[in-house]
């Protein structure tokens, strides 16, 4: 199942053409692992370094998840996959915060409908 992502980009990131998208790769069910995929696209003519993805979601993760993302070359696209384990049913929000040396805070939100 693919949910429609909602992106919240900083004005600077949006102006420079940064792109990020997130989607569920499976139907979310209570207490069953769900794969999530985040896609990134570097619009710059220079690499972006020191990239970190922080993911949080009440009822989806215990605490937060920190993922180091490799350097993105100019115009390169990258994919990061990770797993969540829903602990509560209903509509939940997965929030991702991506930062690197060129963009300090790119936020993405994904609504996740967790079935019992």
Foldseek 3Di string as FASTA:
>chain_A
DWFFKDWDFDPVCVVLPWDKGKTWPDAAAAQDKTKMKMKTWAQDQAKWAQKKKKKDKVQWADPIDIDGDHIAGHGRMDMDMDITHGHDAAKIKMKMWMDTPVGGTIIMITIHGYHD
